[in-house]
Amino acid sequence: MRRRFNGEGSVYKRNDSRRGKPWVAQTTLPNGRRKYTYARTKKEAIELLRTMQAQVREGMLPPSSERLTVEQYFTEWLAMMAGRLKSSSLRTYRERVEYVILPNLGHRQLSKLHALELEKLYRRQLERGNSPATVQLLRRIHYSPRVGRRRPPGLPAKKYRQERGPAAGSRLKGGEGDAS
C-alpha cells in the first residue's frame, strides 16, 4: 500500500477497540484541524474518508464546524452572497438576519441548532404580528440550498419536502385541480 500525501487523510486501526469501531478515518480540514470518524471495518473507514474528503471539497465541512455559531455563519454567508444577489434582495436578507435571526439564534452553535428551534422562531414572529410572507422569507433564508444545507439539521427529508410542497414539474393525479 502506498503512503498518502499530506492532506489526503488516513485510515488506521486503533489499539483499543472502543465501542466496537476499531477503524479510524481522519482528514484535515481547511483550517488545519483534524476530523475523525470511526468504523467497524477498514472498508467502511475508507468510504467514510472519501465522503469526508468530498464534503471538504464541496465546502460542506466548514472549518471548526463544531464551534461555528449562527452569527458567524450568517455573517460569512451574507458576505459571500453580496456578489450573487441583487442589491435589494441582499438588503432584505441582511435586515432579516440582523433583526430577527441573530437576536434570537445568533449565540447558538450551528451544529447544535434543531429544526424545532427554527419552528419556534417562526411561530413567535407570527405571534408578534409579522406577516406570513415575512416568515416565509425567513424559511427561505434558513432552508435555502444557497445557505449550504438543503434542510436544517434534525428535520427529516420527508417533512422538509412536505413543507416546501410538491417537487417542480410534478402533477397532481386524480385529485383536485386535475384537468382530466
N, C-alpha and C. Protein backbone atom coordinates (compact mmCIF):
# COMPACT_ATOMS: atom_id res chain seq x y z
N MET A 1 0.85 -1.18 0.00
CA MET A 1 0.00 0.00 0.00
C MET A 1 0.89 1.23 0.00
N ARG A 2 0.53 2.20 -0.85
CA ARG A 2 1.35 3.40 -0.96
C ARG A 2 1.09 4.34 0.22
N ARG A 3 2.06 5.16 0.46
CA ARG A 3 1.94 6.17 1.52
C ARG A 3 1.11 7.34 0.98
N ARG A 4 0.23 7.88 1.82
CA ARG A 4 -0.61 9.01 1.41
C ARG A 4 0.18 10.31 1.52
N PHE A 5 -0.20 11.26 0.66
CA PHE A 5 0.40 12.59 0.71
C PHE A 5 -0.25 13.41 1.82
N ASN A 6 0.39 14.54 2.16
CA ASN A 6 -0.18 15.43 3.17
C ASN A 6 -1.54 15.92 2.70
N GLY A 7 -2.49 15.93 3.62
CA GLY A 7 -3.83 16.42 3.32
C GLY A 7 -4.77 15.39 2.74
N GLU A 8 -4.27 14.20 2.41
CA GLU A 8 -5.13 13.17 1.83
C GLU A 8 -5.95 12.44 2.88
N GLY A 9 -5.56 12.55 4.13
CA GLY A 9 -6.26 11.84 5.18
C GLY A 9 -5.59 10.50 5.45
N SER A 10 -6.14 9.77 6.42
CA SER A 10 -5.57 8.46 6.73
C SER A 10 -6.64 7.54 7.28
N VAL A 11 -6.35 6.25 7.17
CA VAL A 11 -7.19 5.20 7.72
C VAL A 11 -6.27 4.29 8.50
N TYR A 12 -6.62 4.07 9.76
CA TYR A 12 -5.79 3.19 10.58
C TYR A 12 -6.63 2.49 11.63
N LYS A 13 -6.06 1.46 12.24
CA LYS A 13 -6.75 0.69 13.26
C LYS A 13 -6.24 1.13 14.63
N ARG A 14 -7.19 1.41 15.54
CA ARG A 14 -6.82 1.78 16.91
C ARG A 14 -6.34 0.55 17.67
N ASN A 15 -5.51 0.78 18.65
CA ASN A 15 -5.06 -0.31 19.51
C ASN A 15 -6.17 -0.80 20.41
N ASP A 16 -6.96 0.12 20.94
CA ASP A 16 -8.10 -0.26 21.78
C ASP A 16 -9.37 -0.14 20.95
N SER A 17 -10.14 -1.20 20.89
CA SER A 17 -11.33 -1.19 20.04
C SER A 17 -12.55 -0.79 20.86
N ARG A 18 -12.62 0.51 21.18
CA ARG A 18 -13.75 1.02 21.94
C ARG A 18 -15.01 1.02 21.10
N ARG A 19 -16.11 0.73 21.74
CA ARG A 19 -17.43 0.78 21.12
C ARG A 19 -17.55 -0.06 19.86
N GLY A 20 -16.71 -1.02 19.68
CA GLY A 20 -16.82 -1.91 18.54
C GLY A 20 -16.46 -1.27 17.21
N LYS A 21 -15.81 -0.12 17.23
CA LYS A 21 -15.42 0.54 15.99
C LYS A 21 -13.92 0.82 16.02
N PRO A 22 -13.12 -0.20 15.68
CA PRO A 22 -11.67 -0.05 15.82
C PRO A 22 -11.00 0.75 14.70
N TRP A 23 -11.68 0.99 13.56
CA TRP A 23 -11.05 1.68 12.44
C TRP A 23 -11.34 3.18 12.48
N VAL A 24 -10.33 3.96 12.17
CA VAL A 24 -10.42 5.41 12.22
C VAL A 24 -10.14 5.99 10.83
N ALA A 25 -11.02 6.90 10.39
CA ALA A 25 -10.77 7.68 9.18
C ALA A 25 -10.53 9.10 9.63
N GLN A 26 -9.43 9.70 9.18
CA GLN A 26 -9.07 11.03 9.63
C GLN A 26 -8.72 11.88 8.43
N THR A 27 -9.24 13.11 8.42
CA THR A 27 -8.88 14.05 7.36
C THR A 27 -8.61 15.41 7.98
N THR A 28 -7.88 16.23 7.26
CA THR A 28 -7.54 17.56 7.75
C THR A 28 -8.46 18.58 7.10
N LEU A 29 -9.07 19.44 7.90
CA LEU A 29 -9.96 20.48 7.42
C LEU A 29 -9.15 21.66 6.90
N PRO A 30 -9.76 22.55 6.13
CA PRO A 30 -9.01 23.69 5.57
C PRO A 30 -8.33 24.56 6.61
N ASN A 31 -8.85 24.59 7.85
CA ASN A 31 -8.24 25.43 8.87
C ASN A 31 -7.11 24.71 9.61
N GLY A 32 -6.78 23.47 9.20
CA GLY A 32 -5.69 22.73 9.82
C GLY A 32 -6.12 21.75 10.90
N ARG A 33 -7.37 21.87 11.36
CA ARG A 33 -7.86 20.93 12.38
C ARG A 33 -8.15 19.59 11.74
N ARG A 34 -8.14 18.55 12.56
CA ARG A 34 -8.41 17.20 12.05
C ARG A 34 -9.80 16.76 12.44
N LYS A 35 -10.44 16.02 11.55
CA LYS A 35 -11.76 15.45 11.82
C LYS A 35 -11.63 13.94 11.76
N TYR A 36 -12.17 13.28 12.80
CA TYR A 36 -12.09 11.83 12.90
C TYR A 36 -13.48 11.22 12.83
N THR A 37 -13.59 10.07 12.16
CA THR A 37 -14.80 9.26 12.22
C THR A 37 -14.37 7.82 12.44
N TYR A 38 -15.27 7.03 12.98
CA TYR A 38 -14.93 5.67 13.37
C TYR A 38 -15.82 4.66 12.64
N ALA A 39 -15.26 3.49 12.34
CA ALA A 39 -16.00 2.48 11.59
C ALA A 39 -15.67 1.08 12.11
N ARG A 40 -16.54 0.14 11.78
CA ARG A 40 -16.35 -1.25 12.20
C ARG A 40 -15.31 -1.97 11.33
N THR A 41 -15.28 -1.65 10.04
CA THR A 41 -14.35 -2.33 9.14
C THR A 41 -13.48 -1.31 8.42
N LYS A 42 -12.40 -1.83 7.84
CA LYS A 42 -11.49 -0.97 7.09
C LYS A 42 -12.20 -0.40 5.85
N LYS A 43 -13.00 -1.23 5.22
CA LYS A 43 -13.72 -0.80 4.02
C LYS A 43 -14.67 0.36 4.35
N GLU A 44 -15.39 0.26 5.47
CA GLU A 44 -16.27 1.35 5.90
C GLU A 44 -15.47 2.62 6.18
N ALA A 45 -14.31 2.47 6.81
CA ALA A 45 -13.47 3.63 7.14
C ALA A 45 -12.99 4.32 5.88
N ILE A 46 -12.63 3.55 4.85
CA ILE A 46 -12.19 4.13 3.58
C ILE A 46 -13.34 4.91 2.93
N GLU A 47 -14.54 4.36 2.99
CA GLU A 47 -15.71 5.05 2.44
C GLU A 47 -15.98 6.35 3.21
N LEU A 48 -15.87 6.29 4.54
CA LEU A 48 -16.07 7.50 5.36
C LEU A 48 -15.03 8.57 5.01
N LEU A 49 -13.80 8.14 4.79
CA LEU A 49 -12.74 9.08 4.43
C LEU A 49 -13.06 9.75 3.10
N ARG A 50 -13.49 8.97 2.12
CA ARG A 50 -13.84 9.53 0.81
C ARG A 50 -15.00 10.52 0.94
N THR A 51 -15.99 10.17 1.77
CA THR A 51 -17.13 11.06 1.99
C THR A 51 -16.68 12.37 2.63
N MET A 52 -15.84 12.28 3.65
CA MET A 52 -15.35 13.49 4.32
C MET A 52 -14.54 14.35 3.35
N GLN A 53 -13.71 13.72 2.52
CA GLN A 53 -12.91 14.48 1.56
C GLN A 53 -13.80 15.20 0.56
N ALA A 54 -14.87 14.53 0.11
CA ALA A 54 -15.81 15.16 -0.82
C ALA A 54 -16.51 16.33 -0.13
N GLN A 55 -16.88 16.16 1.13
CA GLN A 55 -17.54 17.24 1.86
C GLN A 55 -16.61 18.44 2.04
N VAL A 56 -15.34 18.18 2.28
CA VAL A 56 -14.37 19.27 2.41
C VAL A 56 -14.23 19.99 1.08
N ARG A 57 -14.15 19.23 -0.03
CA ARG A 57 -14.02 19.85 -1.36
C ARG A 57 -15.24 20.71 -1.69
N GLU A 58 -16.44 20.25 -1.31
CA GLU A 58 -17.67 20.96 -1.63
C GLU A 58 -17.99 22.06 -0.62
N GLY A 59 -17.19 22.15 0.42
CA GLY A 59 -17.41 23.18 1.43
C GLY A 59 -18.49 22.83 2.43
N MET A 60 -18.88 21.57 2.49
CA MET A 60 -19.93 21.16 3.42
C MET A 60 -19.40 20.96 4.84
N LEU A 61 -18.11 20.79 4.98
CA LEU A 61 -17.49 20.71 6.31
C LEU A 61 -16.77 22.02 6.54
N PRO A 62 -17.46 22.99 7.13
CA PRO A 62 -16.79 24.27 7.34
C PRO A 62 -15.71 24.15 8.41
N PRO A 63 -14.73 25.01 8.38
CA PRO A 63 -13.71 24.97 9.41
C PRO A 63 -14.32 25.11 10.79
N SER A 64 -13.85 24.34 11.70
CA SER A 64 -14.30 24.32 13.09
C SER A 64 -15.82 24.31 13.18
N SER A 65 -16.44 23.40 12.42
CA SER A 65 -17.90 23.36 12.33
C SER A 65 -18.56 23.08 13.67
N GLU A 66 -17.85 22.46 14.60
CA GLU A 66 -18.44 22.16 15.89
C GLU A 66 -18.68 23.44 16.69
N ARG A 67 -17.86 24.46 16.49
CA ARG A 67 -17.95 25.68 17.28
C ARG A 67 -18.53 26.86 16.52
N LEU A 68 -18.83 26.69 15.26
CA LEU A 68 -19.35 27.77 14.44
C LEU A 68 -20.72 28.20 14.93
N THR A 69 -20.90 29.48 15.21
CA THR A 69 -22.19 29.96 15.69
C THR A 69 -23.05 30.41 14.50
N VAL A 70 -24.33 30.55 14.74
CA VAL A 70 -25.25 31.02 13.71
C VAL A 70 -24.83 32.41 13.24
N GLU A 71 -24.39 33.26 14.17
CA GLU A 71 -23.96 34.61 13.81
C GLU A 71 -22.75 34.58 12.89
N GLN A 72 -21.75 33.77 13.21
CA GLN A 72 -20.56 33.67 12.37
C GLN A 72 -20.93 33.15 10.99
N TYR A 73 -21.78 32.15 10.97
CA TYR A 73 -22.18 31.54 9.70
C TYR A 73 -22.90 32.54 8.80
N PHE A 74 -23.91 33.24 9.35
CA PHE A 74 -24.67 34.16 8.51
C PHE A 74 -23.84 35.39 8.13
N THR A 75 -22.89 35.80 8.95
CA THR A 75 -22.01 36.89 8.58
C THR A 75 -21.20 36.50 7.35
N GLU A 76 -20.64 35.29 7.36
CA GLU A 76 -19.88 34.80 6.20
C GLU A 76 -20.79 34.62 5.00
N TRP A 77 -22.00 34.09 5.23
CA TRP A 77 -22.93 33.81 4.14
C TRP A 77 -23.34 35.11 3.45
N LEU A 78 -23.66 36.15 4.24
CA LEU A 78 -24.05 37.43 3.63
C LEU A 78 -22.91 38.03 2.82
N ALA A 79 -21.69 37.90 3.33
CA ALA A 79 -20.53 38.43 2.59
C ALA A 79 -20.35 37.65 1.28
N MET A 80 -20.55 36.34 1.33
CA MET A 80 -20.39 35.51 0.14
C MET A 80 -21.49 35.82 -0.89
N MET A 81 -22.70 36.10 -0.42
CA MET A 81 -23.83 36.32 -1.32
C MET A 81 -23.86 37.74 -1.89
N ALA A 82 -22.99 38.63 -1.40
CA ALA A 82 -23.00 40.03 -1.83
C ALA A 82 -22.87 40.17 -3.35
N GLY A 83 -22.05 39.36 -3.97
CA GLY A 83 -21.86 39.45 -5.41
C GLY A 83 -22.85 38.65 -6.22
N ARG A 84 -23.62 37.80 -5.57
CA ARG A 84 -24.52 36.90 -6.29
C ARG A 84 -25.97 37.37 -6.32
N LEU A 85 -26.37 38.19 -5.36
CA LEU A 85 -27.77 38.62 -5.27
C LEU A 85 -27.92 40.06 -5.73
N LYS A 86 -29.13 40.41 -6.14
CA LYS A 86 -29.42 41.81 -6.42
C LYS A 86 -29.30 42.58 -5.12
N SER A 87 -29.00 43.86 -5.22
CA SER A 87 -28.79 44.66 -4.01
C SER A 87 -30.04 44.72 -3.14
N SER A 88 -31.23 44.75 -3.76
CA SER A 88 -32.46 44.81 -2.97
C SER A 88 -32.68 43.49 -2.21
N SER A 89 -32.38 42.36 -2.85
CA SER A 89 -32.51 41.06 -2.18
C SER A 89 -31.53 40.95 -1.03
N LEU A 90 -30.30 41.36 -1.29
CA LEU A 90 -29.27 41.30 -0.25
C LEU A 90 -29.66 42.18 0.94
N ARG A 91 -30.20 43.38 0.67
CA ARG A 91 -30.62 44.28 1.73
C ARG A 91 -31.73 43.64 2.58
N THR A 92 -32.69 43.01 1.91
CA THR A 92 -33.79 42.34 2.62
C THR A 92 -33.27 41.20 3.47
N TYR A 93 -32.40 40.36 2.90
CA TYR A 93 -31.83 39.24 3.65
C TYR A 93 -31.05 39.76 4.85
N ARG A 94 -30.24 40.81 4.62
CA ARG A 94 -29.42 41.34 5.71
C ARG A 94 -30.30 41.87 6.84
N GLU A 95 -31.39 42.56 6.51
CA GLU A 95 -32.30 43.07 7.53
C GLU A 95 -32.90 41.92 8.34
N ARG A 96 -33.37 40.89 7.66
CA ARG A 96 -33.99 39.76 8.37
C ARG A 96 -32.98 39.04 9.25
N VAL A 97 -31.77 38.87 8.74
CA VAL A 97 -30.73 38.20 9.52
C VAL A 97 -30.38 39.04 10.75
N GLU A 98 -30.16 40.33 10.55
CA GLU A 98 -29.71 41.19 11.65
C GLU A 98 -30.80 41.46 12.69
N TYR A 99 -32.06 41.60 12.25
CA TYR A 99 -33.12 41.98 13.18
C TYR A 99 -33.95 40.82 13.72
N VAL A 100 -33.90 39.66 13.07
CA VAL A 100 -34.72 38.54 13.53
C VAL A 100 -33.87 37.34 13.92
N ILE A 101 -33.02 36.89 13.02
CA ILE A 101 -32.27 35.64 13.25
C ILE A 101 -31.20 35.82 14.32
N LEU A 102 -30.34 36.82 14.16
CA LEU A 102 -29.22 36.98 15.10
C LEU A 102 -29.64 37.27 16.53
N PRO A 103 -30.62 38.15 16.77
CA PRO A 103 -31.01 38.36 18.17
C PRO A 103 -31.60 37.11 18.83
N ASN A 104 -32.22 36.25 18.06
CA ASN A 104 -32.85 35.06 18.62
C ASN A 104 -31.96 33.83 18.62
N LEU A 105 -31.14 33.66 17.58
CA LEU A 105 -30.36 32.43 17.44
C LEU A 105 -28.86 32.65 17.23
N GLY A 106 -28.41 33.89 17.19
CA GLY A 106 -27.02 34.19 16.87
C GLY A 106 -26.00 33.55 17.79
N HIS A 107 -26.34 33.38 19.06
CA HIS A 107 -25.40 32.82 20.03
C HIS A 107 -25.31 31.30 19.95
N ARG A 108 -26.27 30.65 19.28
CA ARG A 108 -26.32 29.18 19.23
C ARG A 108 -25.25 28.63 18.29
N GLN A 109 -24.71 27.47 18.65
CA GLN A 109 -23.78 26.78 17.76
C GLN A 109 -24.58 26.17 16.63
N LEU A 110 -24.10 26.33 15.41
CA LEU A 110 -24.81 25.85 14.24
C LEU A 110 -25.00 24.34 14.28
N SER A 111 -24.01 23.62 14.78
CA SER A 111 -24.10 22.16 14.82
C SER A 111 -25.13 21.67 15.83
N LYS A 112 -25.53 22.53 16.77
CA LYS A 112 -26.49 22.12 17.80
C LYS A 112 -27.88 22.73 17.58
N LEU A 113 -28.06 23.40 16.46
CA LEU A 113 -29.34 24.02 16.16
C LEU A 113 -30.32 22.96 15.64
N HIS A 114 -31.52 22.95 16.18
CA HIS A 114 -32.52 21.96 15.81
C HIS A 114 -33.66 22.62 15.05
N ALA A 115 -34.34 21.82 14.26
CA ALA A 115 -35.46 22.32 13.46
C ALA A 115 -36.56 22.88 14.36
N LEU A 116 -36.76 22.30 15.54
CA LEU A 116 -37.81 22.79 16.43
C LEU A 116 -37.54 24.23 16.88
N GLU A 117 -36.28 24.57 17.06
CA GLU A 117 -35.94 25.94 17.44
C GLU A 117 -36.32 26.92 16.32
N LEU A 118 -36.10 26.50 15.08
CA LEU A 118 -36.49 27.34 13.96
C LEU A 118 -38.00 27.49 13.90
N GLU A 119 -38.71 26.40 14.12
CA GLU A 119 -40.18 26.45 14.09
C GLU A 119 -40.71 27.36 15.20
N LYS A 120 -40.09 27.32 16.38
CA LYS A 120 -40.50 28.22 17.47
C LYS A 120 -40.25 29.67 17.08
N LEU A 121 -39.14 29.94 16.41
CA LEU A 121 -38.83 31.30 15.96
C LEU A 121 -39.90 31.78 14.98
N TYR A 122 -40.29 30.93 14.04
CA TYR A 122 -41.31 31.31 13.06
C TYR A 122 -42.65 31.58 13.76
N ARG A 123 -43.01 30.72 14.70
CA ARG A 123 -44.27 30.90 15.42
C ARG A 123 -44.26 32.21 16.21
N ARG A 124 -43.13 32.52 16.89
CA ARG A 124 -43.02 33.78 17.64
C ARG A 124 -43.17 34.98 16.72
N GLN A 125 -42.60 34.89 15.53
CA GLN A 125 -42.70 36.02 14.60
C GLN A 125 -44.14 36.24 14.16
N LEU A 126 -44.88 35.14 13.96
CA LEU A 126 -46.30 35.27 13.60
C LEU A 126 -47.09 35.86 14.77
N GLU A 127 -46.78 35.41 16.00
CA GLU A 127 -47.48 35.92 17.18
C GLU A 127 -47.20 37.40 17.41
N ARG A 128 -46.01 37.87 17.02
CA ARG A 128 -45.65 39.28 17.18
C ARG A 128 -46.28 40.16 16.10
N GLY A 129 -47.00 39.55 15.19
CA GLY A 129 -47.69 40.33 14.18
C GLY A 129 -47.01 40.41 12.83
N ASN A 130 -45.90 39.70 12.65
CA ASN A 130 -45.27 39.67 11.33
C ASN A 130 -46.15 38.90 10.37
N SER A 131 -46.09 39.28 9.12
CA SER A 131 -46.93 38.63 8.12
C SER A 131 -46.40 37.24 7.78
N PRO A 132 -47.27 36.37 7.28
CA PRO A 132 -46.81 35.05 6.83
C PRO A 132 -45.75 35.16 5.73
N ALA A 133 -45.80 36.22 4.92
CA ALA A 133 -44.79 36.40 3.88
C ALA A 133 -43.40 36.63 4.50
N THR A 134 -43.35 37.36 5.61
CA THR A 134 -42.08 37.59 6.30
C THR A 134 -41.53 36.29 6.85
N VAL A 135 -42.41 35.50 7.44
CA VAL A 135 -41.98 34.20 7.99
C VAL A 135 -41.53 33.28 6.86
N GLN A 136 -42.21 33.34 5.73
CA GLN A 136 -41.80 32.53 4.58
C GLN A 136 -40.42 32.95 4.10
N LEU A 137 -40.12 34.24 4.13
CA LEU A 137 -38.79 34.72 3.75
C LEU A 137 -37.74 34.17 4.71
N LEU A 138 -38.04 34.15 6.01
CA LEU A 138 -37.11 33.56 6.98
C LEU A 138 -36.87 32.10 6.67
N ARG A 139 -37.92 31.38 6.33
CA ARG A 139 -37.76 29.97 5.95
C ARG A 139 -36.84 29.84 4.74
N ARG A 140 -37.03 30.69 3.76
CA ARG A 140 -36.18 30.62 2.57
C ARG A 140 -34.73 30.89 2.91
N ILE A 141 -34.50 31.83 3.80
CA ILE A 141 -33.12 32.12 4.20
C ILE A 141 -32.52 30.92 4.92
N HIS A 142 -33.27 30.33 5.85
CA HIS A 142 -32.75 29.18 6.60
C HIS A 142 -32.60 27.93 5.74
N TYR A 143 -33.59 27.64 4.91
CA TYR A 143 -33.63 26.36 4.20
C TYR A 143 -33.06 26.41 2.80
N SER A 144 -32.60 27.57 2.37
CA SER A 144 -32.11 27.72 1.01
C SER A 144 -30.88 26.87 0.77
N PRO A 145 -30.80 26.20 -0.41
CA PRO A 145 -29.57 25.47 -0.74
C PRO A 145 -28.37 26.40 -0.79
N ARG A 146 -28.61 27.70 -1.03
CA ARG A 146 -27.50 28.66 -1.04
C ARG A 146 -26.84 28.76 0.32
N VAL A 147 -27.60 28.49 1.37
CA VAL A 147 -27.06 28.57 2.72
C VAL A 147 -26.05 27.46 2.95
N GLY A 148 -26.07 26.45 2.13
CA GLY A 148 -25.11 25.36 2.27
C GLY A 148 -25.75 24.09 2.77
N ARG A 149 -27.01 24.12 3.09
CA ARG A 149 -27.71 22.93 3.55
C ARG A 149 -29.04 22.87 2.82
N ARG A 150 -29.40 21.70 2.40
CA ARG A 150 -30.68 21.53 1.74
C ARG A 150 -31.80 21.56 2.78
N ARG A 151 -31.52 21.14 3.99
CA ARG A 151 -32.51 21.17 5.06
C ARG A 151 -31.75 21.33 6.37
N PRO A 152 -32.37 21.89 7.36
CA PRO A 152 -31.66 22.10 8.62
C PRO A 152 -31.45 20.79 9.36
N PRO A 153 -30.47 20.73 10.26
CA PRO A 153 -30.24 19.51 11.00
C PRO A 153 -31.45 19.16 11.84
N GLY A 154 -31.76 17.88 11.92
CA GLY A 154 -32.86 17.42 12.75
C GLY A 154 -34.20 17.39 12.06
N LEU A 155 -34.30 17.93 10.85
CA LEU A 155 -35.57 17.93 10.13
C LEU A 155 -35.51 16.83 9.08
N PRO A 156 -36.36 15.80 9.20
CA PRO A 156 -36.32 14.71 8.23
C PRO A 156 -36.60 15.19 6.82
N ALA A 157 -35.97 14.56 5.85
CA ALA A 157 -36.11 14.98 4.46
C ALA A 157 -37.56 14.92 4.02
N LYS A 158 -38.29 13.91 4.45
CA LYS A 158 -39.68 13.76 4.04
C LYS A 158 -40.51 14.96 4.51
N LYS A 159 -40.32 15.39 5.75
CA LYS A 159 -41.05 16.54 6.29
C LYS A 159 -40.65 17.80 5.54
N TYR A 160 -39.38 17.95 5.22
CA TYR A 160 -38.92 19.14 4.51
C TYR A 160 -39.59 19.24 3.15
N ARG A 161 -39.68 18.11 2.43
CA ARG A 161 -40.34 18.11 1.13
C ARG A 161 -41.81 18.49 1.27
N GLN A 162 -42.48 18.02 2.35
CA GLN A 162 -43.88 18.35 2.55
C GLN A 162 -44.05 19.84 2.78
N GLU A 163 -43.14 20.45 3.55
CA GLU A 163 -43.24 21.88 3.83
C GLU A 163 -43.04 22.70 2.58
N ARG A 164 -42.16 22.26 1.70
CA ARG A 164 -41.86 23.03 0.50
C ARG A 164 -42.89 22.78 -0.59
N GLY A 165 -43.71 21.75 -0.44
CA GLY A 165 -44.70 21.45 -1.46
C GLY A 165 -44.17 20.44 -2.45
N PRO A 166 -44.96 20.11 -3.47
CA PRO A 166 -44.53 19.10 -4.44
C PRO A 166 -43.32 19.58 -5.23
N ALA A 167 -42.56 18.61 -5.72
CA ALA A 167 -41.36 18.92 -6.48
C ALA A 167 -41.75 19.62 -7.77
N ALA A 168 -40.84 20.42 -8.27
CA ALA A 168 -41.11 21.15 -9.51
C ALA A 168 -41.37 20.17 -10.63
N GLY A 169 -42.40 20.45 -11.41
CA GLY A 169 -42.71 19.59 -12.54
C GLY A 169 -43.63 18.44 -12.20
N SER A 170 -43.91 18.22 -10.93
CA SER A 170 -44.79 17.10 -10.58
C SER A 170 -46.23 17.53 -10.76
N ARG A 171 -47.10 16.59 -11.04
CA ARG A 171 -48.50 16.88 -11.28
C ARG A 171 -49.36 16.11 -10.29
N LEU A 172 -50.47 16.72 -9.92
CA LEU A 172 -51.45 16.02 -9.08
C LEU A 172 -52.17 15.02 -9.95
N LYS A 173 -52.39 13.84 -9.45
CA LYS A 173 -53.10 12.82 -10.23
C LYS A 173 -54.37 12.43 -9.53
N GLY A 174 -55.47 12.61 -10.20
CA GLY A 174 -56.75 12.15 -9.69
C GLY A 174 -57.28 12.97 -8.55
N GLY A 175 -56.72 14.11 -8.26
CA GLY A 175 -57.19 14.92 -7.14
C GLY A 175 -57.77 16.22 -7.63
N GLU A 176 -57.85 17.17 -6.71
CA GLU A 176 -58.36 18.49 -7.07
C GLU A 176 -57.48 19.12 -8.10
N GLY A 177 -58.08 19.91 -8.94
CA GLY A 177 -57.30 20.66 -9.92
C GLY A 177 -56.82 19.83 -11.09
N ASP A 178 -57.25 18.57 -11.16
CA ASP A 178 -56.83 17.71 -12.25
C ASP A 178 -57.74 17.95 -13.44
N ALA A 179 -57.19 18.23 -14.56
CA ALA A 179 -57.98 18.59 -15.75
C ALA A 179 -58.60 17.39 -16.41
N SER A 180 -58.20 16.18 -16.05
CA SER A 180 -58.73 15.02 -16.76
C SER A 180 -60.05 14.53 -16.23
